[in-house]
C-alpha atoms as a PDB file:
ATOM      1  CA  MET A   1     -44.002  42.662  69.483  1.00  0.00           C
ATOM      2  CA  THR A   2     -40.358  42.001  68.758  1.00  0.00           C
ATOM      3  CA  TYR A   3     -38.924  38.522  68.728  1.00  0.00           C
ATOM      4  CA  GLY A   4     -35.303  39.396  68.105  1.00  0.00           C
ATOM      5  CA  TYR A   5     -32.953  36.881  66.622  1.00  0.00           C
ATOM      6  CA  SER A   6     -29.494  36.287  68.017  1.00  0.00           C
ATOM      7  CA  GLN A   7     -26.628  37.845  66.135  1.00  0.00           C
ATOM      8  CA  SER A   8     -25.108  34.412  65.622  1.00  0.00           C
ATOM      9  CA  LEU A   9     -28.284  33.100  63.949  1.00  0.00           C
ATOM     10  CA  VAL A  10     -28.568  36.163  61.707  1.00  0.00           C
ATOM     11  CA  TYR A  11     -24.882  35.821  60.777  1.00  0.00           C
ATOM     12  CA  ALA A  12     -25.226  32.086  60.064  1.00  0.00           C
ATOM     13  CA  ASN A  13     -28.314  32.742  57.935  1.00  0.00           C
ATOM     14  CA  LYS A  14     -26.581  35.474  55.912  1.00  0.00           C
ATOM     15  CA  LYS A  15     -23.556  33.235  55.396  1.00  0.00           C
ATOM     16  CA  ALA A  16     -25.664  30.245  54.258  1.00  0.00           C
ATOM     17  CA  ASN A  17     -26.727  29.513  50.672  1.00  0.00           C
ATOM     18  CA  ILE A  18     -29.865  31.567  49.919  1.00  0.00           C
ATOM     19  CA  ARG A  19     -30.817  29.046  47.243  1.00  0.00           C
ATOM     20  CA  THR A  20     -31.877  26.580  49.910  1.00  0.00           C
ATOM     21  CA  LEU A  21     -35.497  26.890  50.926  1.00  0.00           C
ATOM     22  CA  GLY A  22     -34.866  26.864  54.674  1.00  0.00           C
ATOM     23  CA  VAL A  23     -32.331  29.684  54.411  1.00  0.00           C
ATOM     24  CA  ALA A  24     -34.696  31.694  52.234  1.00  0.00           C
ATOM     25  CA  LEU A  25     -37.410  31.140  54.830  1.00  0.00           C
ATOM     26  CA  GLY A  26     -34.999  32.317  57.503  1.00  0.00           C
ATOM     27  CA  ARG A  27     -34.158  35.524  55.687  1.00  0.00           C
ATOM     28  CA  ALA A  28     -37.813  36.320  55.083  1.00  0.00           C
ATOM     29  CA  CYS A  29     -38.755  35.591  58.704  1.00  0.00           C
ATOM     30  CA  ILE A  30     -35.835  37.529  60.146  1.00  0.00           C
ATOM     31  CA  ASP A  31     -36.757  40.527  57.989  1.00  0.00           C
ATOM     32  CA  ALA A  32     -40.440  40.243  58.973  1.00  0.00           C
ATOM     33  CA  ASN A  33     -39.617  39.457  62.626  1.00  0.00           C
ATOM     34  CA  VAL A  34     -41.645  36.236  62.671  1.00  0.00           C
ATOM     35  CA  SER A  35     -41.003  34.120  65.748  1.00  0.00           C
ATOM     36  CA  VAL A  36     -39.350  30.715  65.524  1.00  0.00           C
ATOM     37  CA  THR A  37     -41.989  29.342  67.880  1.00  0.00           C
ATOM     38  CA  TYR A  38     -44.741  30.482  65.519  1.00  0.00           C
ATOM     39  CA  LEU A  39     -43.016  28.806  62.565  1.00  0.00           C
ATOM     40  CA  ALA A  40     -42.436  25.589  64.481  1.00  0.00           C
ATOM     41  CA  ASP A  41     -46.142  25.447  65.330  1.00  0.00           C
ATOM     42  CA  LYS A  42     -47.170  26.389  61.801  1.00  0.00           C
ATOM     43  CA  PHE A  43     -45.095  23.653  60.160  1.00  0.00           C
ATOM     44  CA  GLY A  44     -45.402  21.078  62.939  1.00  0.00           C
ATOM     45  CA  VAL A  45     -41.682  20.798  63.627  1.00  0.00           C
ATOM     46  CA  SER A  46     -39.416  21.674  66.542  1.00  0.00           C
ATOM     47  CA  ARG A  47     -37.847  25.070  67.090  1.00  0.00           C
ATOM     48  CA  MET A  48     -34.433  23.438  66.640  1.00  0.00           C
ATOM     49  CA  THR A  49     -35.508  22.204  63.209  1.00  0.00           C
ATOM     50  CA  ILE A  50     -36.436  25.758  62.235  1.00  0.00           C
ATOM     51  CA  TYR A  51     -33.073  27.045  63.467  1.00  0.00           C
ATOM     52  CA  ASN A  52     -31.294  24.357  61.451  1.00  0.00           C
ATOM     53  CA  TRP A  53     -33.271  25.248  58.328  1.00  0.00           C
ATOM     54  CA  PHE A  54     -32.420  28.927  58.821  1.00  0.00           C
ATOM     55  CA  LYS A  55     -28.691  28.114  59.078  1.00  0.00           C
ATOM     56  CA  GLY A  56     -28.700  25.648  56.192  1.00  0.00           C
ATOM     57  CA  ASP A  57     -27.627  22.835  58.540  1.00  0.00           C
ATOM     58  CA  ALA A  58     -30.759  20.851  57.632  1.00  0.00           C
ATOM     59  CA  TYR A  59     -33.173  20.979  54.747  1.00  0.00           C
ATOM     60  CA  PRO A  60     -36.947  20.893  54.842  1.00  0.00           C
ATOM     61  CA  HIS A  61     -38.461  17.617  53.675  1.00  0.00           C
ATOM     62  CA  ALA A  62     -39.992  17.833  50.202  1.00  0.00           C
ATOM     63  CA  SER A  63     -43.461  17.587  51.725  1.00  0.00           C
ATOM     64  CA  TYR A  64     -42.941  21.093  53.200  1.00  0.00           C
ATOM     65  CA  HIS A  65     -41.605  22.808  50.083  1.00  0.00           C
ATOM     66  CA  THR A  66     -44.883  24.110  48.680  1.00  0.00           C
ATOM     67  CA  ARG A  67     -46.104  25.395  52.057  1.00  0.00           C
ATOM     68  CA  ILE A  68     -42.779  27.093  52.801  1.00  0.00           C
ATOM     69  CA  ALA A  69     -42.604  28.720  49.353  1.00  0.00           C
ATOM     70  CA  LYS A  70     -46.150  30.065  49.755  1.00  0.00           C
ATOM     71  CA  TYR A  71     -45.343  31.402  53.208  1.00  0.00           C
ATOM     72  CA  ILE A  72     -42.207  33.175  51.921  1.00  0.00           C
ATOM     73  CA  ASP A  73     -44.315  34.764  49.159  1.00  0.00           C
ATOM     74  CA  THR A  74     -46.864  35.865  51.750  1.00  0.00           C
ATOM     75  CA  LEU A  75     -44.150  37.519  53.852  1.00  0.00           C
ATOM     76  CA  LYS A  76     -42.646  39.283  50.833  1.00  0.00           C
ATOM     77  CA  ASN A  77     -46.051  40.570  49.733  1.00  0.00           C
ATOM     78  CA  THR A  78     -46.884  42.045  53.133  1.00  0.00           C
ATOM     79  CA  LYS A  79     -43.916  44.425  53.161  1.00  0.00           C
END
């Protein structure tokens, strides 16, 4: 199943600072084609929050950092 990300989101993600955890999550999820809805459910946040993390417009709360880092590692190891 393909979820497809808009060109504007992909562009904003590539332009954003990869050193931020939300942007890194975005790149990993875009590459792995993980849906925003799935991530929102997984982390218990809104889809808009996920989009903002991906673009670097908002940053995940510290309470999410460990879970996000583990999820990024999981995505990278499944390639």
